[in-house]
């Protein structure tokens, strides 16, 4: 795996844990600087959590939980969608639930 993609994955995980623990504001400046450095190397990532899910999406791998309702939402992102030069180089891995 490309080391820059791995860095993006790790920053994504750190950011999620800091937000969960309620201390993300203390470290936001440092995380933003790392994201800016990745951006200068043409690497970015996106957390699709909270977005509507459609089986036509090609940027994520979904694990669907629950019964077969038709209105699906991404409830958890395991891995972010990673872009290099605005092209998807890593599909997001998500959990989807019917609402």
PDB file of N, CA and C in Angstrom:
ATOM      1  N   UNK A   1       0.841  -1.183   0.000  1.00  0.00           N
ATOM      2  CA  UNK A   1       0.000   0.000   0.000  1.00  0.00           C
ATOM      3  C   UNK A   1       0.884   1.243   0.000  1.00  0.00           C
ATOM      4  N   UNK A   2       0.443   2.232  -0.696  1.00  0.00           N
ATOM      5  CA  UNK A   2       1.136   3.506  -0.759  1.00  0.00           C
ATOM      6  C   UNK A   2       1.236   4.096   0.658  1.00  0.00           C
ATOM      7  N   UNK A   3       2.432   4.476   1.095  1.00  0.00           N
ATOM      8  CA  UNK A   3       2.589   5.031   2.452  1.00  0.00           C
ATOM      9  C   UNK A   3       1.735   6.278   2.693  1.00  0.00           C
ATOM     10  N   UNK A   4       1.497   7.090   1.674  1.00  0.00           N
ATOM     11  CA  UNK A   4       0.670   8.279   1.859  1.00  0.00           C
ATOM     12  C   UNK A   4      -0.788   7.911   2.116  1.00  0.00           C
ATOM     13  N   UNK A   5      -1.258   6.846   1.485  1.00  0.00           N
ATOM     14  CA  UNK A   5      -2.616   6.369   1.738  1.00  0.00           C
ATOM     15  C   UNK A   5      -2.717   5.844   3.170  1.00  0.00           C
ATOM     16  N   UNK A   6      -1.687   5.157   3.617  1.00  0.00           N
ATOM     17  CA  UNK A   6      -1.665   4.659   4.997  1.00  0.00           C
ATOM     18  C   UNK A   6      -1.674   5.815   5.994  1.00  0.00           C
ATOM     19  N   UNK A   7      -0.945   6.881   5.695  1.00  0.00           N
ATOM     20  CA  UNK A   7      -0.954   8.066   6.564  1.00  0.00           C
ATOM     21  C   UNK A   7      -2.361   8.657   6.608  1.00  0.00           C
ATOM     22  N   UNK A   8      -3.020   8.758   5.458  1.00  0.00           N
ATOM     23  CA  UNK A   8      -4.395   9.276   5.412  1.00  0.00           C
ATOM     24  C   UNK A   8      -5.321   8.408   6.266  1.00  0.00           C
ATOM     25  N   UNK A   9      -5.178   7.085   6.183  1.00  0.00           N
ATOM     26  CA  UNK A   9      -5.995   6.180   6.996  1.00  0.00           C
ATOM     27  C   UNK A   9      -5.758   6.401   8.483  1.00  0.00           C
ATOM     28  N   UNK A  10      -4.511   6.560   8.866  1.00  0.00           N
ATOM     29  CA  UNK A  10      -4.184   6.744  10.282  1.00  0.00           C
ATOM     30  C   UNK A  10      -4.704   8.083  10.805  1.00  0.00           C
ATOM     31  N   UNK A  11      -4.576   9.146  10.017  1.00  0.00           N
ATOM     32  CA  UNK A  11      -5.095  10.452  10.426  1.00  0.00           C
ATOM     33  C   UNK A  11      -6.614  10.385  10.568  1.00  0.00           C
ATOM     34  N   UNK A  12      -7.270   9.693   9.648  1.00  0.00           N
ATOM     35  CA  UNK A  12      -8.719   9.496   9.721  1.00  0.00           C
ATOM     36  C   UNK A  12      -9.095   8.824  11.048  1.00  0.00           C
ATOM     37  N   UNK A  13      -8.380   7.757  11.409  1.00  0.00           N
ATOM     38  CA  UNK A  13      -8.673   7.035  12.649  1.00  0.00           C
ATOM     39  C   UNK A  13      -8.400   7.895  13.883  1.00  0.00           C
ATOM     40  N   UNK A  14      -7.292   8.617  13.871  1.00  0.00           N
ATOM     41  CA  UNK A  14      -6.965   9.491  15.002  1.00  0.00           C
ATOM     42  C   UNK A  14      -8.046  10.551  15.179  1.00  0.00           C
ATOM     43  N   UNK A  15      -8.451  11.161  14.074  1.00  0.00           N
ATOM     44  CA  UNK A  15      -9.476  12.203  14.121  1.00  0.00           C
ATOM     45  C   UNK A  15     -10.788  11.657  14.678  1.00  0.00           C
ATOM     46  N   UNK A  16     -11.185  10.446  14.257  1.00  0.00           N
ATOM     47  CA  UNK A  16     -12.419   9.831  14.760  1.00  0.00           C
ATOM     48  C   UNK A  16     -12.330   9.562  16.266  1.00  0.00           C
ATOM     49  N   UNK A  17     -11.186   9.052  16.725  1.00  0.00           N
ATOM     50  CA  UNK A  17     -11.026   8.750  18.150  1.00  0.00           C
ATOM     51  C   UNK A  17     -11.019  10.022  18.991  1.00  0.00           C
ATOM     52  N   UNK A  18     -10.359  11.060  18.505  1.00  0.00           N
ATOM     53  CA  UNK A  18     -10.336  12.324  19.245  1.00  0.00           C
ATOM     54  C   UNK A  18     -11.724  12.945  19.329  1.00  0.00           C
ATOM     55  N   UNK A  19     -12.486  12.836  18.252  1.00  0.00           N
ATOM     56  CA  UNK A  19     -13.848  13.366  18.255  1.00  0.00           C
ATOM     57  C   UNK A  19     -14.716  12.580  19.227  1.00  0.00           C
ATOM     58  N   UNK A  20     -14.571  11.257  19.217  1.00  0.00           N
ATOM     59  CA  UNK A  20     -15.336  10.397  20.120  1.00  0.00           C
ATOM     60  C   UNK A  20     -15.017  10.717  21.578  1.00  0.00           C
ATOM     61  N   UNK A  21     -13.745  10.988  21.867  1.00  0.00           N
ATOM     62  CA  UNK A  21     -13.324  11.290  23.233  1.00  0.00           C
ATOM     63  C   UNK A  21     -13.590  12.741  23.621  1.00  0.00           C
ATOM     64  N   UNK A  22     -14.031  13.557  22.663  1.00  0.00           N
ATOM     65  CA  UNK A  22     -14.362  14.938  22.945  1.00  0.00           C
ATOM     66  C   UNK A  22     -13.177  15.869  23.093  1.00  0.00           C
ATOM     67  N   UNK A  23     -12.025  15.488  22.560  1.00  0.00           N
ATOM     68  CA  UNK A  23     -10.833  16.341  22.684  1.00  0.00           C
ATOM     69  C   UNK A  23     -10.285  16.766  21.325  1.00  0.00           C
ATOM     70  N   UNK A  24     -11.100  16.634  20.285  1.00  0.00           N
ATOM     71  CA  UNK A  24     -10.604  16.931  18.934  1.00  0.00           C
ATOM     72  C   UNK A  24     -10.191  18.388  18.771  1.00  0.00           C
ATOM     73  N   UNK A  25     -10.846  19.323  19.482  1.00  0.00           N
ATOM     74  CA  UNK A  25     -10.503  20.737  19.342  1.00  0.00           C
ATOM     75  C   UNK A  25      -9.061  21.024  19.761  1.00  0.00           C
ATOM     76  N   UNK A  26      -8.561  20.290  20.735  1.00  0.00           N
ATOM     77  CA  UNK A  26      -7.198  20.505  21.218  1.00  0.00           C
ATOM     78  C   UNK A  26      -6.153  20.159  20.166  1.00  0.00           C
ATOM     79  N   UNK A  27      -6.485  19.249  19.280  1.00  0.00           N
ATOM     80  CA  UNK A  27      -5.522  18.751  18.301  1.00  0.00           C
ATOM     81  C   UNK A  27      -5.875  19.123  16.864  1.00  0.00           C
ATOM     82  N   UNK A  28      -6.956  19.871  16.684  1.00  0.00           N
ATOM     83  CA  UNK A  28      -7.449  20.196  15.342  1.00  0.00           C
ATOM     84  C   UNK A  28      -6.392  20.897  14.495  1.00  0.00           C
ATOM     85  N   UNK A  29      -5.636  21.796  15.094  1.00  0.00           N
ATOM     86  CA  UNK A  29      -4.618  22.538  14.343  1.00  0.00           C
ATOM     87  C   UNK A  29      -3.555  21.597  13.776  1.00  0.00           C
ATOM     88  N   UNK A  30      -3.121  20.636  14.564  1.00  0.00           N
ATOM     89  CA  UNK A  30      -2.086  19.697  14.125  1.00  0.00           C
ATOM     90  C   UNK A  30      -2.605  18.778  13.021  1.00  0.00           C
ATOM     91  N   UNK A  31      -3.825  18.304  13.208  1.00  0.00           N
ATOM     92  CA  UNK A  31      -4.432  17.441  12.195  1.00  0.00           C
ATOM     93  C   UNK A  31      -4.617  18.213  10.898  1.00  0.00           C
ATOM     94  N   UNK A  32      -5.046  19.460  11.002  1.00  0.00           N
ATOM     95  CA  UNK A  32      -5.236  20.287   9.808  1.00  0.00           C
ATOM     96  C   UNK A  32      -3.918  20.485   9.062  1.00  0.00           C
ATOM     97  N   UNK A  33      -2.820  20.658   9.799  1.00  0.00           N
ATOM     98  CA  UNK A  33      -1.506  20.824   9.160  1.00  0.00           C
ATOM     99  C   UNK A  33      -1.101  19.556   8.412  1.00  0.00           C
ATOM    100  N   UNK A  34      -1.374  18.403   8.993  1.00  0.00           N
ATOM    101  CA  UNK A  34      -1.055  17.138   8.323  1.00  0.00           C
ATOM    102  C   UNK A  34      -1.915  16.987   7.071  1.00  0.00           C
ATOM    103  N   UNK A  35      -3.199  17.303   7.177  1.00  0.00           N
ATOM    104  CA  UNK A  35      -4.091  17.232   6.008  1.00  0.00           C
ATOM    105  C   UNK A  35      -3.609  18.184   4.912  1.00  0.00           C
ATOM    106  N   UNK A  36      -3.148  19.373   5.300  1.00  0.00           N
ATOM    107  CA  UNK A  36      -2.645  20.325   4.317  1.00  0.00           C
ATOM    108  C   UNK A  36      -1.407  19.768   3.617  1.00  0.00           C
ATOM    109  N   UNK A  37      -0.514  19.138   4.378  1.00  0.00           N
ATOM    110  CA  UNK A  37       0.684  18.540   3.782  1.00  0.00           C
ATOM    111  C   UNK A  37       0.310  17.427   2.813  1.00  0.00           C
ATOM    112  N   UNK A  38      -0.658  16.600   3.193  1.00  0.00           N
ATOM    113  CA  UNK A  38      -1.130  15.555   2.285  1.00  0.00           C
ATOM    114  C   UNK A  38      -1.737  16.169   1.028  1.00  0.00           C
ATOM    115  N   UNK A  39      -2.475  17.237   1.200  1.00  0.00           N
ATOM    116  CA  UNK A  39      -3.092  17.920   0.066  1.00  0.00           C
ATOM    117  C   UNK A  39      -2.042  18.436  -0.913  1.00  0.00           C
ATOM    118  N   UNK A  40      -0.939  18.933  -0.386  1.00  0.00           N
ATOM    119  CA  UNK A  40       0.148  19.401  -1.248  1.00  0.00           C
ATOM    120  C   UNK A  40       0.766  18.248  -2.032  1.00  0.00           C
ATOM    121  N   UNK A  41       0.627  17.033  -1.496  1.00  0.00           N
ATOM    122  CA  UNK A  41       1.091  15.834  -2.194  1.00  0.00           C
ATOM    123  C   UNK A  41      -0.034  15.200  -3.022  1.00  0.00           C
ATOM    124  N   UNK A  42      -1.149  15.942  -3.165  1.00  0.00           N
ATOM    125  CA  UNK A  42      -2.306  15.539  -3.967  1.00  0.00           C
ATOM    126  C   UNK A  42      -3.079  14.355  -3.377  1.00  0.00           C
ATOM    127  N   UNK A  43      -3.016  14.201  -2.043  1.00  0.00           N
ATOM    128  CA  UNK A  43      -3.750  13.154  -1.337  1.00  0.00           C
ATOM    129  C   UNK A  43      -4.804  13.817  -0.450  1.00  0.00           C
ATOM    130  N   UNK A  44      -6.034  13.320  -0.532  1.00  0.00           N
ATOM    131  CA  UNK A  44      -7.092  13.794   0.359  1.00  0.00           C
ATOM    132  C   UNK A  44      -7.977  12.604   0.708  1.00  0.00           C
ATOM    133  N   UNK A  45      -8.788  12.781   1.750  1.00  0.00           N
ATOM    134  CA  UNK A  45      -9.710  11.710   2.115  1.00  0.00           C
ATOM    135  C   UNK A  45     -11.036  12.295   2.565  1.00  0.00           C
ATOM    136  N   UNK A  46     -12.057  11.439   2.493  1.00  0.00           N
ATOM    137  CA  UNK A  46     -13.420  11.864   2.807  1.00  0.00           C
ATOM    138  C   UNK A  46     -14.092  10.817   3.683  1.00  0.00           C
ATOM    139  N   UNK A  47     -14.745  11.279   4.743  1.00  0.00           N
ATOM    140  CA  UNK A  47     -15.523  10.416   5.624  1.00  0.00           C
ATOM    141  C   UNK A  47     -16.982  10.471   5.166  1.00  0.00           C
ATOM    142  N   UNK A  48     -17.528   9.372   4.614  1.00  0.00           N
ATOM    143  CA  UNK A  48     -18.900   9.397   4.099  1.00  0.00           C
ATOM    144  C   UNK A  48     -19.982   9.167   5.159  1.00  0.00           C
ATOM    145  N   UNK A  49     -19.598   9.083   6.426  1.00  0.00           N
ATOM    146  CA  UNK A  49     -20.563   8.803   7.491  1.00  0.00           C
ATOM    147  C   UNK A  49     -21.696   9.832   7.480  1.00  0.00           C
ATOM    148  N   UNK A  50     -22.919   9.336   7.587  1.00  0.00           N
ATOM    149  CA  UNK A  50     -24.094  10.197   7.591  1.00  0.00           C
ATOM    150  C   UNK A  50     -24.707  10.417   6.217  1.00  0.00           C
ATOM    151  N   UNK A  51     -24.014  10.025   5.171  1.00  0.00           N
ATOM    152  CA  UNK A  51     -24.526  10.205   3.808  1.00  0.00           C
ATOM    153  C   UNK A  51     -25.515   9.094   3.464  1.00  0.00           C
ATOM    154  N   UNK A  52     -26.413   9.395   2.529  1.00  0.00           N
ATOM    155  CA  UNK A  52     -27.335   8.370   2.034  1.00  0.00           C
ATOM    156  C   UNK A  52     -26.536   7.341   1.243  1.00  0.00           C
ATOM    157  N   UNK A  53     -26.990   6.093   1.318  1.00  0.00           N
ATOM    158  CA  UNK A  53     -26.337   5.011   0.585  1.00  0.00           C
ATOM    159  C   UNK A  53     -27.199   4.593  -0.589  1.00  0.00           C
ATOM    160  N   UNK A  54     -26.535   4.350  -1.691  1.00  0.00           N
ATOM    161  CA  UNK A  54     -27.181   3.803  -2.885  1.00  0.00           C
ATOM    162  C   UNK A  54     -26.281   2.682  -3.403  1.00  0.00           C
ATOM    163  N   UNK A  55     -26.877   1.615  -3.895  1.00  0.00           N
ATOM    164  CA  UNK A  55     -26.069   0.503  -4.403  1.00  0.00           C
ATOM    165  C   UNK A  55     -25.342   0.853  -5.694  1.00  0.00           C
ATOM    166  N   UNK A  56     -25.567   2.042  -6.215  1.00  0.00           N
ATOM    167  CA  UNK A  56     -24.855   2.480  -7.418  1.00  0.00           C
ATOM    168  C   UNK A  56     -23.544   3.197  -7.085  1.00  0.00           C
ATOM    169  N   UNK A  57     -23.275   3.433  -5.810  1.00  0.00           N
ATOM    170  CA  UNK A  57     -22.025   4.103  -5.431  1.00  0.00           C
ATOM    171  C   UNK A  57     -20.844   3.207  -5.756  1.00  0.00           C
ATOM    172  N   UNK A  58     -19.831   3.787  -6.357  1.00  0.00           N
ATOM    173  CA  UNK A  58     -18.639   3.016  -6.725  1.00  0.00           C
ATOM    174  C   UNK A  58     -17.428   3.402  -5.883  1.00  0.00           C
ATOM    175  N   UNK A  59     -17.635   4.284  -4.900  1.00  0.00           N
ATOM    176  CA  UNK A  59     -16.512   4.752  -4.091  1.00  0.00           C
ATOM    177  C   UNK A  59     -16.459   4.123  -2.708  1.00  0.00           C
ATOM    178  N   UNK A  60     -17.388   3.186  -2.424  1.00  0.00           N
ATOM    179  CA  UNK A  60     -17.400   2.535  -1.116  1.00  0.00           C
ATOM    180  C   UNK A  60     -17.729   1.054  -1.240  1.00  0.00           C
ATOM    181  N   UNK A  61     -17.269   0.303  -0.236  1.00  0.00           N
ATOM    182  CA  UNK A  61     -17.666  -1.093  -0.045  1.00  0.00           C
ATOM    183  C   UNK A  61     -18.549  -1.092   1.192  1.00  0.00           C
ATOM    184  N   UNK A  62     -19.783  -1.551   1.054  1.00  0.00           N
ATOM    185  CA  UNK A  62     -20.751  -1.450   2.139  1.00  0.00           C
ATOM    186  C   UNK A  62     -21.093  -2.797   2.741  1.00  0.00           C
ATOM    187  N   UNK A  63     -21.230  -2.795   4.063  1.00  0.00           N
ATOM    188  CA  UNK A  63     -21.779  -3.917   4.809  1.00  0.00           C
ATOM    189  C   UNK A  63     -23.125  -3.444   5.325  1.00  0.00           C
ATOM    190  N   UNK A  64     -24.211  -4.081   4.851  1.00  0.00           N
ATOM    191  CA  UNK A  64     -25.553  -3.655   5.214  1.00  0.00           C
ATOM    192  C   UNK A  64     -26.009  -4.425   6.442  1.00  0.00           C
ATOM    193  N   UNK A  65     -26.486  -3.677   7.445  1.00  0.00           N
ATOM    194  CA  UNK A  65     -26.919  -4.247   8.717  1.00  0.00           C
ATOM    195  C   UNK A  65     -28.414  -4.003   8.873  1.00  0.00           C
ATOM    196  N   UNK A  66     -29.123  -4.970   9.419  1.00  0.00           N
ATOM    197  CA  UNK A  66     -30.546  -4.787   9.688  1.00  0.00           C
ATOM    198  C   UNK A  66     -31.411  -5.354   8.590  1.00  0.00           C
ATOM    199  N   UNK A  67     -32.703  -5.036   8.714  1.00  0.00           N
ATOM    200  CA  UNK A  67     -33.657  -5.583   7.750  1.00  0.00           C
ATOM    201  C   UNK A  67     -33.607  -4.825   6.431  1.00  0.00           C
ATOM    202  N   UNK A  68     -34.356  -5.278   5.466  1.00  0.00           N
ATOM    203  CA  UNK A  68     -34.281  -4.769   4.101  1.00  0.00           C
ATOM    204  C   UNK A  68     -35.059  -3.507   3.826  1.00  0.00           C
ATOM    205  N   UNK A  69     -34.926  -2.515   4.657  1.00  0.00           N
ATOM    206  CA  UNK A  69     -35.602  -1.241   4.394  1.00  0.00           C
ATOM    207  C   UNK A  69     -34.976  -0.592   3.169  1.00  0.00           C
ATOM    208  N   UNK A  70     -35.666   0.364   2.590  1.00  0.00           N
ATOM    209  CA  UNK A  70     -35.182   0.955   1.349  1.00  0.00           C
ATOM    210  C   UNK A  70     -34.406   2.253   1.544  1.00  0.00           C
ATOM    211  N   UNK A  71     -34.545   2.901   2.686  1.00  0.00           N
ATOM    212  CA  UNK A  71     -33.867   4.176   2.912  1.00  0.00           C
ATOM    213  C   UNK A  71     -32.602   3.915   3.734  1.00  0.00           C
ATOM    214  N   UNK A  72     -31.470   3.759   3.050  1.00  0.00           N
ATOM    215  CA  UNK A  72     -30.223   3.391   3.723  1.00  0.00           C
ATOM    216  C   UNK A  72     -29.325   4.599   3.961  1.00  0.00           C
ATOM    217  N   UNK A  73     -28.656   4.583   5.117  1.00  0.00           N
ATOM    218  CA  UNK A  73     -27.734   5.649   5.496  1.00  0.00           C
ATOM    219  C   UNK A  73     -26.435   5.015   5.968  1.00  0.00           C
ATOM    220  N   UNK A  74     -25.312   5.655   5.637  1.00  0.00           N
ATOM    221  CA  UNK A  74     -24.008   5.187   6.109  1.00  0.00           C
ATOM    222  C   UNK A  74     -23.879   5.608   7.571  1.00  0.00           C
ATOM    223  N   UNK A  75     -23.831   4.612   8.458  1.00  0.00           N
ATOM    224  CA  UNK A  75     -23.807   4.912   9.892  1.00  0.00           C
ATOM    225  C   UNK A  75     -22.410   4.864  10.489  1.00  0.00           C
ATOM    226  N   UNK A  76     -21.489   4.213   9.802  1.00  0.00           N
ATOM    227  CA  UNK A  76     -20.121   4.152  10.317  1.00  0.00           C
ATOM    228  C   UNK A  76     -19.154   3.969   9.152  1.00  0.00           C
ATOM    229  N   UNK A  77     -18.056   4.709   9.204  1.00  0.00           N
ATOM    230  CA  UNK A  77     -16.997   4.544   8.210  1.00  0.00           C
ATOM    231  C   UNK A  77     -15.821   3.857   8.882  1.00  0.00           C
ATOM    232  N   UNK A  78     -15.440   2.714   8.349  1.00  0.00           N
ATOM    233  CA  UNK A  78     -14.291   1.974   8.868  1.00  0.00           C
ATOM    234  C   UNK A  78     -13.006   2.524   8.242  1.00  0.00           C
ATOM    235  N   UNK A  79     -13.067   2.763   6.935  1.00  0.00           N
ATOM    236  CA  UNK A  79     -11.956   3.376   6.201  1.00  0.00           C
ATOM    237  C   UNK A  79     -12.518   4.514   5.354  1.00  0.00           C
ATOM    238  N   UNK A  80     -11.758   5.581   5.206  1.00  0.00           N
ATOM    239  CA  UNK A  80     -12.241   6.707   4.408  1.00  0.00           C
ATOM    240  C   UNK A  80     -12.074   6.433   2.915  1.00  0.00           C
ATOM    241  N   UNK A  81     -12.725   7.260   2.118  1.00  0.00           N
ATOM    242  CA  UNK A  81     -12.478   7.265   0.676  1.00  0.00           C
ATOM    243  C   UNK A  81     -11.230   8.122   0.487  1.00  0.00           C
ATOM    244  N   UNK A  82     -10.203   7.558  -0.151  1.00  0.00           N
ATOM    245  CA  UNK A  82      -8.951   8.294  -0.338  1.00  0.00           C
ATOM    246  C   UNK A  82      -8.789   8.628  -1.817  1.00  0.00           C
ATOM    247  N   UNK A  83      -8.418   9.882  -2.059  1.00  0.00           N
ATOM    248  CA  UNK A  83      -8.233  10.389  -3.418  1.00  0.00           C
ATOM    249  C   UNK A  83      -6.781  10.778  -3.635  1.00  0.00           C
ATOM    250  N   UNK A  84      -6.303  10.534  -4.843  1.00  0.00           N
ATOM    251  CA  UNK A  84      -5.004  11.033  -5.284  1.00  0.00           C
ATOM    252  C   UNK A  84      -5.243  11.695  -6.632  1.00  0.00           C
ATOM    253  N   UNK A  85      -4.902  12.966  -6.738  1.00  0.00           N
ATOM    254  CA  UNK A  85      -5.207  13.740  -7.949  1.00  0.00           C
ATOM    255  C   UNK A  85      -6.690  13.636  -8.310  1.00  0.00           C
ATOM    256  N   UNK A  86      -7.554  13.714  -7.307  1.00  0.00           N
ATOM    257  CA  UNK A  86      -9.017  13.662  -7.473  1.00  0.00           C
ATOM    258  C   UNK A  86      -9.534  12.344  -8.048  1.00  0.00           C
ATOM    259  N   UNK A  87      -8.738  11.288  -7.994  1.00  0.00           N
ATOM    260  CA  UNK A  87      -9.172   9.956  -8.414  1.00  0.00           C
ATOM    261  C   UNK A  87      -9.205   9.063  -7.174  1.00  0.00           C
ATOM    262  N   UNK A  88     -10.207   8.221  -7.083  1.00  0.00           N
ATOM    263  CA  UNK A  88     -10.318   7.308  -5.944  1.00  0.00           C
ATOM    264  C   UNK A  88      -9.207   6.274  -6.021  1.00  0.00           C
ATOM    265  N   UNK A  89      -8.364   6.228  -4.989  1.00  0.00           N
ATOM    266  CA  UNK A  89      -7.301   5.228  -4.926  1.00  0.00           C
ATOM    267  C   UNK A  89      -7.568   4.211  -3.818  1.00  0.00           C
ATOM    268  N   UNK A  90      -8.538   4.526  -2.945  1.00  0.00           N
ATOM    269  CA  UNK A  90      -8.978   3.564  -1.940  1.00  0.00           C
ATOM    270  C   UNK A  90     -10.472   3.770  -1.724  1.00  0.00           C
ATOM    271  N   UNK A  91     -11.226   2.705  -1.922  1.00  0.00           N
ATOM    272  CA  UNK A  91     -12.656   2.771  -1.652  1.00  0.00           C
ATOM    273  C   UNK A  91     -12.869   2.821  -0.147  1.00  0.00           C
ATOM    274  N   UNK A  92     -13.886   3.559   0.263  1.00  0.00           N
ATOM    275  CA  UNK A  92     -14.242   3.582   1.672  1.00  0.00           C
ATOM    276  C   UNK A  92     -14.872   2.265   2.072  1.00  0.00           C
ATOM    277  N   UNK A  93     -14.709   1.892   3.314  1.00  0.00           N
ATOM    278  CA  UNK A  93     -15.354   0.697   3.861  1.00  0.00           C
ATOM    279  C   UNK A  93     -16.325   1.198   4.925  1.00  0.00           C
ATOM    280  N   UNK A  94     -17.620   0.876   4.737  1.00  0.00           N
ATOM    281  CA  UNK A  94     -18.649   1.463   5.593  1.00  0.00           C
ATOM    282  C   UNK A  94     -19.666   0.433   6.066  1.00  0.00           C
ATOM    283  N   UNK A  95     -20.398   0.827   7.096  1.00  0.00           N
ATOM    284  CA  UNK A  95     -21.548   0.067   7.578  1.00  0.00           C
ATOM    285  C   UNK A  95     -22.777   0.893   7.260  1.00  0.00           C
ATOM    286  N   UNK A  96     -23.780   0.234   6.684  1.00  0.00           N
ATOM    287  CA  UNK A  96     -25.002   0.895   6.250  1.00  0.00           C
ATOM    288  C   UNK A  96     -26.183   0.283   6.993  1.00  0.00           C
ATOM    289  N   UNK A  97     -27.113   1.155   7.415  1.00  0.00           N
ATOM    290  CA  UNK A  97     -28.322   0.676   8.097  1.00  0.00           C
ATOM    291  C   UNK A  97     -29.537   1.332   7.464  1.00  0.00           C
ATOM    292  N   UNK A  98     -30.640   0.586   7.453  1.00  0.00           N
ATOM    293  CA  UNK A  98     -31.915   1.129   6.991  1.00  0.00           C
ATOM    294  C   UNK A  98     -32.512   2.021   8.058  1.00  0.00           C
ATOM    295  N   UNK A  99     -33.095   3.104   7.640  1.00  0.00           N
ATOM    296  CA  UNK A  99     -33.731   4.037   8.597  1.00  0.00           C
ATOM    297  C   UNK A  99     -35.223   4.037   8.405  1.00  0.00           C
TER     298      UNK A  99
END
